[in-house]
Amino acid sequence: MKFFSRKPDPVPVNGSPVLEQESSNFPSPEIPEHIFTESVKNEGSLSDKRTTDLQDNINMLFTFLDKNLEVQGYDDAMINPDTVNLQENIAAIKSELLRTIRKVKTFYESFIREINFHIESRGRSGMVDTVEELKMKKQIAEDHIKKVIEIETDTKNNEGDSQGLILSYTRGFKNGLAAISHHNIIRKDF
């Protein structure tokens, strides 16, 4: 048993033996952490990805619709006070809105497919309460997608919620045109 409890012999340094007393006075060398551990980059968890995906819901669309584009219209008029520029910028705003609508619709279509899968699989497992909660979530998602489709139709027909964007931009553009006229013509004395 003494074999296991025996202290190891000191390791010679530069060919000369180290006395036990001397070796205990030397500080142990610092070993950098990276030698023993591997750094792992946080790629984002599944819940982080889900949170990011949820930003594509109907709230993103309403945030877009709530924009006030009056300042942008005014600035655009100062740069290029042409009504063709006004019409092109309105078309660009509508195009961006329709892109946002497609993104939100895609989110809800995928979400509903995912919910359907969970309803079927949890139903086969006899998880009645979970299935009922999933059905409620599905109904909410279906209601949201109906509203998104309604906004899309109104946008294409130049009606409804999307008109606030167009009106605020147009008002700003016209104010810019008026400011140009006021500065260049009206303020001048003859």
C-alpha atoms as a PDB file:
ATOM      1  CA  MET A   1       0.000   0.000   0.000  1.00  0.00           C
ATOM      2  CA  LYS A   2       2.930   2.367   0.474  1.00  0.00           C
ATOM      3  CA  PHE A   3       3.416   2.327  -3.235  1.00  0.00           C
ATOM      4  CA  PHE A   4       0.217   4.315  -3.808  1.00  0.00           C
ATOM      5  CA  SER A   5       0.812   6.821  -1.034  1.00  0.00           C
ATOM      6  CA  ARG A   6       4.389   7.605  -2.000  1.00  0.00           C
ATOM      7  CA  LYS A   7       5.194  11.134  -3.162  1.00  0.00           C
ATOM      8  CA  PRO A   8       6.644  11.387  -6.641  1.00  0.00           C
ATOM      9  CA  ASP A   9      10.301  12.158  -7.052  1.00  0.00           C
ATOM     10  CA  PRO A  10      11.061  15.733  -8.010  1.00  0.00           C
ATOM     11  CA  VAL A  11      11.604  16.246 -11.727  1.00  0.00           C
ATOM     12  CA  PRO A  12      15.101  17.464 -12.629  1.00  0.00           C
ATOM     13  CA  VAL A  13      15.327  20.916 -14.209  1.00  0.00           C
ATOM     14  CA  ASN A  14      18.140  21.566 -16.700  1.00  0.00           C
ATOM     15  CA  GLY A  15      19.801  18.306 -15.758  1.00  0.00           C
ATOM     16  CA  SER A  16      20.134  19.083 -12.041  1.00  0.00           C
ATOM     17  CA  PRO A  17      17.900  17.409  -9.480  1.00  0.00           C
ATOM     18  CA  VAL A  18      15.350  19.607  -7.734  1.00  0.00           C
ATOM     19  CA  LEU A  19      15.107  19.315  -4.044  1.00  0.00           C
ATOM     20  CA  GLU A  20      11.655  18.821  -2.622  1.00  0.00           C
ATOM     21  CA  GLN A  21      11.889  22.012  -0.594  1.00  0.00           C
ATOM     22  CA  GLU A  22      12.913  24.090  -3.630  1.00  0.00           C
ATOM     23  CA  SER A  23      10.116  22.756  -5.843  1.00  0.00           C
ATOM     24  CA  SER A  24       7.421  23.828  -3.425  1.00  0.00           C
ATOM     25  CA  ASN A  25       8.690  27.436  -3.469  1.00  0.00           C
ATOM     26  CA  PHE A  26       8.237  27.832  -7.229  1.00  0.00           C
ATOM     27  CA  PRO A  27       4.862  29.141  -8.329  1.00  0.00           C
ATOM     28  CA  SER A  28       2.917  26.840 -10.623  1.00  0.00           C
ATOM     29  CA  PRO A  29       2.931  28.034 -14.201  1.00  0.00           C
ATOM     30  CA  GLU A  30      -0.209  29.771 -15.457  1.00  0.00           C
ATOM     31  CA  ILE A  31      -1.903  27.759 -18.178  1.00  0.00           C
ATOM     32  CA  PRO A  32      -4.219  29.696 -20.454  1.00  0.00           C
ATOM     33  CA  GLU A  33      -7.861  28.678 -20.352  1.00  0.00           C
ATOM     34  CA  HIS A  34      -8.043  28.098 -24.125  1.00  0.00           C
ATOM     35  CA  ILE A  35      -5.731  25.081 -23.807  1.00  0.00           C
ATOM     36  CA  PHE A  36      -8.280  23.135 -21.771  1.00  0.00           C
ATOM     37  CA  THR A  37     -11.569  24.576 -22.958  1.00  0.00           C
ATOM     38  CA  GLU A  38     -13.100  25.071 -26.338  1.00  0.00           C
ATOM     39  CA  SER A  39     -14.909  28.317 -26.889  1.00  0.00           C
ATOM     40  CA  VAL A  40     -18.389  27.842 -28.284  1.00  0.00           C
ATOM     41  CA  LYS A  41     -20.077  30.544 -30.296  1.00  0.00           C
ATOM     42  CA  ASN A  42     -23.702  31.066 -29.392  1.00  0.00           C
ATOM     43  CA  GLU A  43     -25.469  30.361 -32.667  1.00  0.00           C
ATOM     44  CA  GLY A  44     -28.802  31.188 -31.088  1.00  0.00           C
ATOM     45  CA  SER A  45     -31.152  28.749 -29.530  1.00  0.00           C
ATOM     46  CA  LEU A  46     -34.349  27.467 -31.061  1.00  0.00           C
ATOM     47  CA  SER A  47     -36.347  29.818 -28.845  1.00  0.00           C
ATOM     48  CA  ASP A  48     -34.275  32.760 -30.125  1.00  0.00           C
ATOM     49  CA  LYS A  49     -35.074  31.716 -33.698  1.00  0.00           C
ATOM     50  CA  ARG A  50     -38.756  31.368 -32.860  1.00  0.00           C
ATOM     51  CA  THR A  51     -38.780  34.847 -31.296  1.00  0.00           C
ATOM     52  CA  THR A  52     -37.214  36.224 -34.481  1.00  0.00           C
ATOM     53  CA  ASP A  53     -39.813  34.412 -36.583  1.00  0.00           C
ATOM     54  CA  LEU A  54     -42.627  35.842 -34.485  1.00  0.00           C
ATOM     55  CA  GLN A  55     -41.534  39.313 -35.527  1.00  0.00           C
ATOM     56  CA  ASP A  56     -42.970  38.495 -38.962  1.00  0.00           C
ATOM     57  CA  ASN A  57     -46.507  38.396 -37.595  1.00  0.00           C
ATOM     58  CA  ILE A  58     -49.355  40.856 -38.054  1.00  0.00           C
ATOM     59  CA  ASN A  59     -47.715  43.343 -35.664  1.00  0.00           C
ATOM     60  CA  MET A  60     -44.949  43.898 -38.219  1.00  0.00           C
ATOM     61  CA  LEU A  61     -47.589  44.774 -40.806  1.00  0.00           C
ATOM     62  CA  PHE A  62     -49.388  47.211 -38.507  1.00  0.00           C
ATOM     63  CA  THR A  63     -46.065  48.801 -37.546  1.00  0.00           C
ATOM     64  CA  PHE A  64     -45.437  49.385 -41.250  1.00  0.00           C
ATOM     65  CA  LEU A  65     -48.943  50.798 -41.759  1.00  0.00           C
ATOM     66  CA  ASP A  66     -48.517  53.144 -38.777  1.00  0.00           C
ATOM     67  CA  LYS A  67     -45.535  54.907 -40.352  1.00  0.00           C
ATOM     68  CA  ASN A  68     -45.885  58.620 -40.984  1.00  0.00           C
ATOM     69  CA  LEU A  69     -44.134  59.315 -44.287  1.00  0.00           C
ATOM     70  CA  GLU A  70     -44.738  63.065 -44.333  1.00  0.00           C
ATOM     71  CA  VAL A  71     -41.084  63.945 -43.621  1.00  0.00           C
ATOM     72  CA  GLN A  72     -39.886  61.496 -46.266  1.00  0.00           C
ATOM     73  CA  GLY A  73     -42.283  63.056 -48.808  1.00  0.00           C
ATOM     74  CA  TYR A  74     -41.102  66.559 -47.926  1.00  0.00           C
ATOM     75  CA  ASP A  75     -37.432  65.547 -48.267  1.00  0.00           C
ATOM     76  CA  ASP A  76     -38.097  63.814 -51.590  1.00  0.00           C
ATOM     77  CA  ALA A  77     -39.795  66.959 -52.925  1.00  0.00           C
ATOM     78  CA  MET A  78     -36.746  69.011 -51.947  1.00  0.00           C
ATOM     79  CA  ILE A  79     -34.493  66.648 -53.888  1.00  0.00           C
ATOM     80  CA  ASN A  80     -36.700  66.205 -56.965  1.00  0.00           C
ATOM     81  CA  PRO A  81     -39.875  68.335 -57.084  1.00  0.00           C
ATOM     82  CA  ASP A  82     -41.410  66.491 -60.007  1.00  0.00           C
ATOM     83  CA  THR A  83     -44.863  64.868 -59.875  1.00  0.00           C
ATOM     84  CA  VAL A  84     -43.456  61.874 -61.772  1.00  0.00           C
ATOM     85  CA  ASN A  85     -41.110  61.420 -58.792  1.00  0.00           C
ATOM     86  CA  LEU A  86     -44.159  61.594 -56.494  1.00  0.00           C
ATOM     87  CA  GLN A  87     -45.962  58.854 -58.439  1.00  0.00           C
ATOM     88  CA  GLU A  88     -42.865  56.627 -58.584  1.00  0.00           C
ATOM     89  CA  ASN A  89     -42.290  56.968 -54.838  1.00  0.00           C
ATOM     90  CA  ILE A  90     -45.936  56.154 -54.092  1.00  0.00           C
ATOM     91  CA  ALA A  91     -45.592  53.046 -56.278  1.00  0.00           C
ATOM     92  CA  ALA A  92     -42.431  52.105 -54.346  1.00  0.00           C
ATOM     93  CA  ILE A  93     -44.256  52.509 -51.009  1.00  0.00           C
ATOM     94  CA  LYS A  94     -47.097  50.285 -52.218  1.00  0.00           C
ATOM     95  CA  SER A  95     -44.597  47.730 -53.495  1.00  0.00           C
ATOM     96  CA  GLU A  96     -42.812  47.654 -50.136  1.00  0.00           C
ATOM     97  CA  LEU A  97     -46.160  47.262 -48.367  1.00  0.00           C
ATOM     98  CA  LEU A  98     -47.148  44.356 -50.630  1.00  0.00           C
ATOM     99  CA  ARG A  99     -43.759  42.704 -49.955  1.00  0.00           C
ATOM    100  CA  THR A 100     -44.385  43.044 -46.221  1.00  0.00           C
ATOM    101  CA  ILE A 101     -47.863  41.561 -46.654  1.00  0.00           C
ATOM    102  CA  ARG A 102     -46.422  38.562 -48.536  1.00  0.00           C
ATOM    103  CA  LYS A 103     -43.857  38.034 -45.787  1.00  0.00           C
ATOM    104  CA  VAL A 104     -46.559  38.088 -43.091  1.00  0.00           C
ATOM    105  CA  LYS A 105     -48.837  35.773 -45.117  1.00  0.00           C
ATOM    106  CA  THR A 106     -45.973  33.317 -45.576  1.00  0.00           C
ATOM    107  CA  PHE A 107     -45.328  33.371 -41.838  1.00  0.00           C
ATOM    108  CA  TYR A 108     -48.960  32.557 -41.012  1.00  0.00           C
ATOM    109  CA  GLU A 109     -49.284  29.892 -43.706  1.00  0.00           C
ATOM    110  CA  SER A 110     -46.199  28.113 -42.344  1.00  0.00           C
ATOM    111  CA  PHE A 111     -47.358  28.582 -38.758  1.00  0.00           C
ATOM    112  CA  ILE A 112     -50.770  27.055 -39.538  1.00  0.00           C
ATOM    113  CA  ARG A 113     -49.120  24.038 -41.228  1.00  0.00           C
ATOM    114  CA  GLU A 114     -46.944  23.586 -38.141  1.00  0.00           C
ATOM    115  CA  ILE A 115     -49.963  23.848 -35.829  1.00  0.00           C
ATOM    116  CA  ASN A 116     -51.855  21.263 -37.935  1.00  0.00           C
ATOM    117  CA  PHE A 117     -48.985  18.819 -37.508  1.00  0.00           C
ATOM    118  CA  HIS A 118     -48.984  19.343 -33.732  1.00  0.00           C
ATOM    119  CA  ILE A 119     -52.768  18.980 -33.523  1.00  0.00           C
ATOM    120  CA  GLU A 120     -52.602  15.627 -35.331  1.00  0.00           C
ATOM    121  CA  SER A 121     -49.629  14.234 -33.419  1.00  0.00           C
ATOM    122  CA  ARG A 122     -50.824  15.411 -29.989  1.00  0.00           C
ATOM    123  CA  GLY A 123     -54.321  14.150 -30.806  1.00  0.00           C
ATOM    124  CA  ARG A 124     -52.913  10.664 -31.528  1.00  0.00           C
ATOM    125  CA  SER A 125     -51.182  10.816 -28.140  1.00  0.00           C
ATOM    126  CA  GLY A 126     -54.462  11.623 -26.400  1.00  0.00           C
ATOM    127  CA  MET A 127     -53.378  15.085 -25.237  1.00  0.00           C
ATOM    128  CA  VAL A 128     -56.857  16.625 -25.304  1.00  0.00           C
ATOM    129  CA  ASP A 129     -56.054  19.883 -23.466  1.00  0.00           C
ATOM    130  CA  THR A 130     -52.997  20.544 -25.602  1.00  0.00           C
ATOM    131  CA  VAL A 131     -54.986  19.897 -28.783  1.00  0.00           C
ATOM    132  CA  GLU A 132     -57.652  22.381 -27.646  1.00  0.00           C
ATOM    133  CA  GLU A 133     -54.994  25.038 -26.968  1.00  0.00           C
ATOM    134  CA  LEU A 134     -53.461  24.382 -30.390  1.00  0.00           C
ATOM    135  CA  LYS A 135     -56.857  24.725 -32.066  1.00  0.00           C
ATOM    136  CA  MET A 136     -57.350  28.073 -30.346  1.00  0.00           C
ATOM    137  CA  LYS A 137     -53.921  29.249 -31.581  1.00  0.00           C
ATOM    138  CA  LYS A 138     -54.811  28.063 -35.073  1.00  0.00           C
ATOM    139  CA  GLN A 139     -58.061  30.050 -35.005  1.00  0.00           C
ATOM    140  CA  ILE A 140     -56.168  33.188 -33.956  1.00  0.00           C
ATOM    141  CA  ALA A 141     -53.646  32.650 -36.782  1.00  0.00           C
ATOM    142  CA  GLU A 142     -56.481  32.134 -39.288  1.00  0.00           C
ATOM    143  CA  ASP A 143     -58.166  35.356 -38.108  1.00  0.00           C
ATOM    144  CA  HIS A 144     -54.883  37.219 -38.533  1.00  0.00           C
ATOM    145  CA  ILE A 145     -54.315  35.891 -42.034  1.00  0.00           C
ATOM    146  CA  LYS A 146     -57.879  36.953 -42.998  1.00  0.00           C
ATOM    147  CA  LYS A 147     -57.061  40.492 -41.853  1.00  0.00           C
ATOM    148  CA  VAL A 148     -53.782  40.404 -43.802  1.00  0.00           C
ATOM    149  CA  ILE A 149     -55.628  39.308 -46.955  1.00  0.00           C
ATOM    150  CA  GLU A 150     -58.180  42.101 -46.411  1.00  0.00           C
ATOM    151  CA  ILE A 151     -55.361  44.666 -46.125  1.00  0.00           C
ATOM    152  CA  GLU A 152     -53.761  43.226 -49.271  1.00  0.00           C
ATOM    153  CA  THR A 153     -57.008  43.561 -51.241  1.00  0.00           C
ATOM    154  CA  ASP A 154     -57.535  47.129 -49.974  1.00  0.00           C
ATOM    155  CA  THR A 155     -53.967  48.050 -50.917  1.00  0.00           C
ATOM    156  CA  LYS A 156     -54.420  46.754 -54.452  1.00  0.00           C
ATOM    157  CA  ASN A 157     -57.702  48.726 -54.721  1.00  0.00           C
ATOM    158  CA  ASN A 158     -56.190  51.916 -53.215  1.00  0.00           C
ATOM    159  CA  GLU A 159     -58.512  51.719 -50.202  1.00  0.00           C
ATOM    160  CA  GLY A 160     -58.419  51.059 -46.480  1.00  0.00           C
ATOM    161  CA  ASP A 161     -55.536  51.080 -44.035  1.00  0.00           C
ATOM    162  CA  SER A 162     -52.797  51.492 -46.631  1.00  0.00           C
ATOM    163  CA  GLN A 163     -54.096  54.892 -47.658  1.00  0.00           C
ATOM    164  CA  GLY A 164     -52.687  56.480 -44.509  1.00  0.00           C
ATOM    165  CA  LEU A 165     -49.170  55.829 -45.818  1.00  0.00           C
ATOM    166  CA  ILE A 166     -49.957  57.297 -49.217  1.00  0.00           C
ATOM    167  CA  LEU A 167     -51.747  60.347 -47.781  1.00  0.00           C
ATOM    168  CA  SER A 168     -48.956  61.183 -45.330  1.00  0.00           C
ATOM    169  CA  TYR A 169     -46.316  60.841 -48.046  1.00  0.00           C
ATOM    170  CA  THR A 170     -48.336  62.938 -50.521  1.00  0.00           C
ATOM    171  CA  ARG A 171     -49.002  65.622 -47.892  1.00  0.00           C
ATOM    172  CA  GLY A 172     -45.280  65.845 -47.141  1.00  0.00           C
ATOM    173  CA  PHE A 173     -44.402  65.996 -50.834  1.00  0.00           C
ATOM    174  CA  LYS A 174     -46.912  68.783 -51.462  1.00  0.00           C
ATOM    175  CA  ASN A 175     -45.640  70.690 -48.429  1.00  0.00           C
ATOM    176  CA  GLY A 176     -42.155  70.386 -49.917  1.00  0.00           C
ATOM    177  CA  LEU A 177     -43.399  71.778 -53.236  1.00  0.00           C
ATOM    178  CA  ALA A 178     -45.091  74.645 -51.401  1.00  0.00           C
ATOM    179  CA  ALA A 179     -41.899  75.381 -49.446  1.00  0.00           C
ATOM    180  CA  ILE A 180     -39.911  75.526 -52.681  1.00  0.00           C
ATOM    181  CA  SER A 181     -42.436  77.922 -54.223  1.00  0.00           C
ATOM    182  CA  HIS A 182     -42.511  80.047 -51.086  1.00  0.00           C
ATOM    183  CA  HIS A 183     -38.734  80.242 -50.877  1.00  0.00           C
ATOM    184  CA  ASN A 184     -38.085  80.831 -54.581  1.00  0.00           C
ATOM    185  CA  ILE A 185     -41.054  82.957 -55.683  1.00  0.00           C
ATOM    186  CA  ILE A 186     -43.340  84.289 -52.979  1.00  0.00           C
ATOM    187  CA  ARG A 187     -40.614  85.741 -50.726  1.00  0.00           C
ATOM    188  CA  LYS A 188     -38.982  87.665 -53.561  1.00  0.00           C
ATOM    189  CA  ASP A 189     -39.746  91.334 -53.908  1.00  0.00           C
ATOM    190  CA  PHE A 190     -40.136  92.796 -57.367  1.00  0.00           C
END
